Amino acid sequence: MTAVLNAPTVQPVFSHAEIESMTSFRFTDANPEMGRSYAESAFRDLPEFVQDIVEDVIDLSAWKWNVLVELGQVLEFTGPDRYTIPRSLPCVQRLARRGEGRSEFCPECDGSLVMIDTDGSYTGELGTPVICTCVNWAVHLHRPEVAA
């Protein structure tokens, strides 16, 4: 006999466009701390979820990314499309394990800037990666001099 969980259907409290903006990004989007786009930011200045996309989805090393930034050719390589945050990203997997949190970071995203929609209230789907709603960007980007 197989048990069937009686999980309630959760409706997201956000519109489709808002959900898309929380679960994906474009490289033309502003890097919140740097004052320029992700495409114009050095690899070390990218949030962890963008670094993971660059390395794991686009398959670029940090060095190659920085060369493309210096040449102004990132968008020629990545294109203008939205990149959805997959569940397979290292930062998302770390959050799913939850035992590996670092106390100095936001408890929702642990410094990656991506949190997990654990109850479906953001997207309507349990476990979906969502860009964190925290606003402490300086801490997340490992730039304590900005927070001072």
Protein backbone atom coordinates (compact mmCIF):
# COMPACT_ATOMS: atom_id res chain seq x y z
CA MET A 1 0.00 0.00 0.00
CA THR A 2 1.36 3.40 -0.94
CA ALA A 3 0.65 6.39 1.26
CA VAL A 4 -0.45 9.54 -0.50
CA LEU A 5 0.30 12.78 1.23
CA ASN A 6 -2.56 15.20 1.40
CA ALA A 7 -0.57 18.36 0.66
CA PRO A 8 -2.63 21.51 0.19
CA THR A 9 -2.31 23.34 -3.09
CA VAL A 10 -0.48 26.59 -2.53
CA GLN A 11 -1.21 29.59 -4.67
CA PRO A 12 1.63 32.07 -5.09
CA VAL A 13 1.00 35.56 -3.78
CA PHE A 14 2.90 37.09 -6.69
CA SER A 15 2.09 37.63 -10.36
CA HIS A 16 3.76 35.57 -13.08
CA ALA A 17 6.10 38.49 -13.92
CA GLU A 18 7.08 38.89 -10.26
CA ILE A 19 7.76 35.17 -9.94
CA GLU A 20 9.90 35.27 -13.08
CA SER A 21 11.92 38.16 -11.65
CA MET A 22 12.50 36.19 -8.42
CA THR A 23 13.48 32.92 -10.09
CA SER A 24 15.58 34.13 -13.00
CA PHE A 25 17.79 36.99 -14.13
CA ARG A 26 19.47 38.50 -17.18
CA PHE A 27 23.12 39.45 -17.32
CA THR A 28 21.92 42.96 -18.18
CA ASP A 29 20.26 43.18 -14.73
CA ALA A 30 21.93 45.45 -12.21
CA ASN A 31 24.37 43.88 -9.78
CA PRO A 32 22.83 45.37 -6.61
CA GLU A 33 26.07 46.28 -4.88
CA MET A 34 28.30 47.18 -7.79
CA GLY A 35 26.18 49.79 -9.55
CA ARG A 36 26.65 48.13 -12.92
CA SER A 37 25.24 45.07 -14.65
CA TYR A 38 26.27 41.49 -13.94
CA ALA A 39 27.83 41.47 -17.43
CA GLU A 40 30.09 44.34 -16.39
CA SER A 41 31.08 42.84 -13.02
CA ALA A 42 34.24 40.88 -12.30
CA PHE A 43 33.62 37.29 -11.27
CA ARG A 44 34.52 37.94 -7.61
CA ASP A 45 31.87 40.71 -7.49
CA LEU A 46 29.02 38.49 -8.68
CA PRO A 47 26.55 36.99 -6.19
CA GLU A 48 27.12 33.29 -5.58
CA PHE A 49 24.12 32.19 -7.63
CA VAL A 50 25.38 34.14 -10.66
CA GLN A 51 28.86 32.65 -10.19
CA ASP A 52 27.27 29.19 -10.11
CA ILE A 53 25.36 29.92 -13.35
CA VAL A 54 28.57 31.13 -15.02
CA GLU A 55 30.54 28.05 -13.96
CA ASP A 56 27.92 25.28 -13.99
CA VAL A 57 25.42 26.33 -16.67
CA ILE A 58 27.46 28.46 -19.09
CA ASP A 59 30.63 26.47 -18.39
CA LEU A 60 33.04 29.41 -18.04
CA SER A 61 35.88 29.63 -15.55
CA ALA A 62 36.29 32.75 -13.43
CA TRP A 63 39.34 33.67 -15.52
CA LYS A 64 37.45 33.39 -18.84
CA TRP A 65 34.55 35.40 -17.40
CA ASN A 66 36.91 38.20 -16.35
CA VAL A 67 38.49 38.28 -19.82
CA LEU A 68 35.03 38.61 -21.41
CA VAL A 69 34.19 41.43 -18.97
CA GLU A 70 37.42 43.28 -19.80
CA LEU A 71 36.69 42.94 -23.52
CA GLY A 72 33.05 43.96 -23.07
CA GLN A 73 31.90 40.73 -24.72
CA VAL A 74 29.91 38.98 -21.98
CA LEU A 75 26.53 39.65 -23.59
CA GLU A 76 27.78 38.41 -26.95
CA PHE A 77 28.58 35.14 -25.20
CA THR A 78 25.60 34.80 -22.82
CA GLY A 79 22.93 36.48 -24.92
CA PRO A 80 20.07 38.66 -23.66
CA ASP A 81 17.91 35.77 -22.42
CA ARG A 82 16.79 35.10 -18.85
CA TYR A 83 18.66 32.44 -16.90
CA THR A 84 16.46 30.45 -14.53
CA ILE A 85 18.03 29.40 -11.26
CA PRO A 86 18.10 25.58 -11.39
CA ARG A 87 17.79 23.38 -8.32
CA SER A 88 21.10 21.75 -9.23
CA LEU A 89 23.22 24.85 -8.48
CA PRO A 90 25.74 24.32 -5.68
CA CYS A 91 24.36 27.24 -3.66
CA VAL A 92 20.84 25.79 -3.86
CA GLN A 93 22.04 22.31 -2.93
CA ARG A 94 23.88 23.72 0.08
CA LEU A 95 20.68 25.42 1.22
CA ALA A 96 18.70 22.21 0.73
CA ARG A 97 21.05 20.45 3.16
CA ARG A 98 20.62 23.35 5.64
CA GLY A 99 23.12 21.90 8.11
CA GLU A 100 25.97 23.81 6.53
CA GLY A 101 24.79 27.36 7.28
CA ARG A 102 27.23 30.13 8.10
CA SER A 103 26.03 32.23 11.02
CA GLU A 104 27.23 35.59 9.71
CA PHE A 105 24.90 35.41 6.69
CA CYS A 106 21.18 35.79 6.12
CA PRO A 107 19.46 32.67 7.50
CA GLU A 108 17.27 32.39 4.39
CA CYS A 109 19.99 32.37 1.74
CA ASP A 110 23.22 31.80 3.68
CA GLY A 111 25.01 34.42 1.61
CA SER A 112 24.21 32.99 -1.80
CA LEU A 113 21.37 35.49 -2.49
CA VAL A 114 19.15 32.52 -3.39
CA MET A 115 16.65 31.08 -0.96
CA ILE A 116 14.40 28.04 -1.29
CA ASP A 117 10.64 28.51 -1.49
CA THR A 118 10.04 25.91 1.22
CA ASP A 119 6.28 26.40 1.47
CA GLY A 120 5.44 27.45 -2.09
CA SER A 121 4.24 30.89 -1.01
CA TYR A 122 6.42 32.68 -3.57
CA THR A 123 6.07 30.51 -6.64
CA GLY A 124 3.35 27.99 -5.82
CA GLU A 125 5.91 25.18 -6.11
CA LEU A 126 7.67 23.70 -3.10
CA GLY A 127 11.46 23.77 -3.17
CA THR A 128 11.87 26.26 -6.01
CA PRO A 129 15.01 28.46 -5.85
CA VAL A 130 14.09 32.14 -5.43
CA ILE A 131 16.31 35.23 -5.34
CA CYS A 132 16.47 36.17 -1.65
CA THR A 133 14.43 39.08 -0.40
CA CYS A 134 17.08 40.19 2.08
CA VAL A 135 18.64 43.58 1.49
CA ASN A 136 21.98 43.14 3.20
CA TRP A 137 23.87 42.99 -0.11
CA ALA A 138 27.21 44.14 1.29
CA VAL A 139 27.44 41.17 3.65
CA HIS A 140 26.38 38.74 0.91
CA LEU A 141 29.00 40.01 -1.46
CA HIS A 142 31.70 39.54 1.16
CA ARG A 143 32.46 43.26 1.13
CA PRO A 144 32.41 44.35 4.78
CA GLU A 145 33.98 47.70 3.88
CA VAL A 146 30.76 48.62 2.04
CA ALA A 147 28.60 47.76 5.06
CA ALA A 148 30.58 50.08 7.37
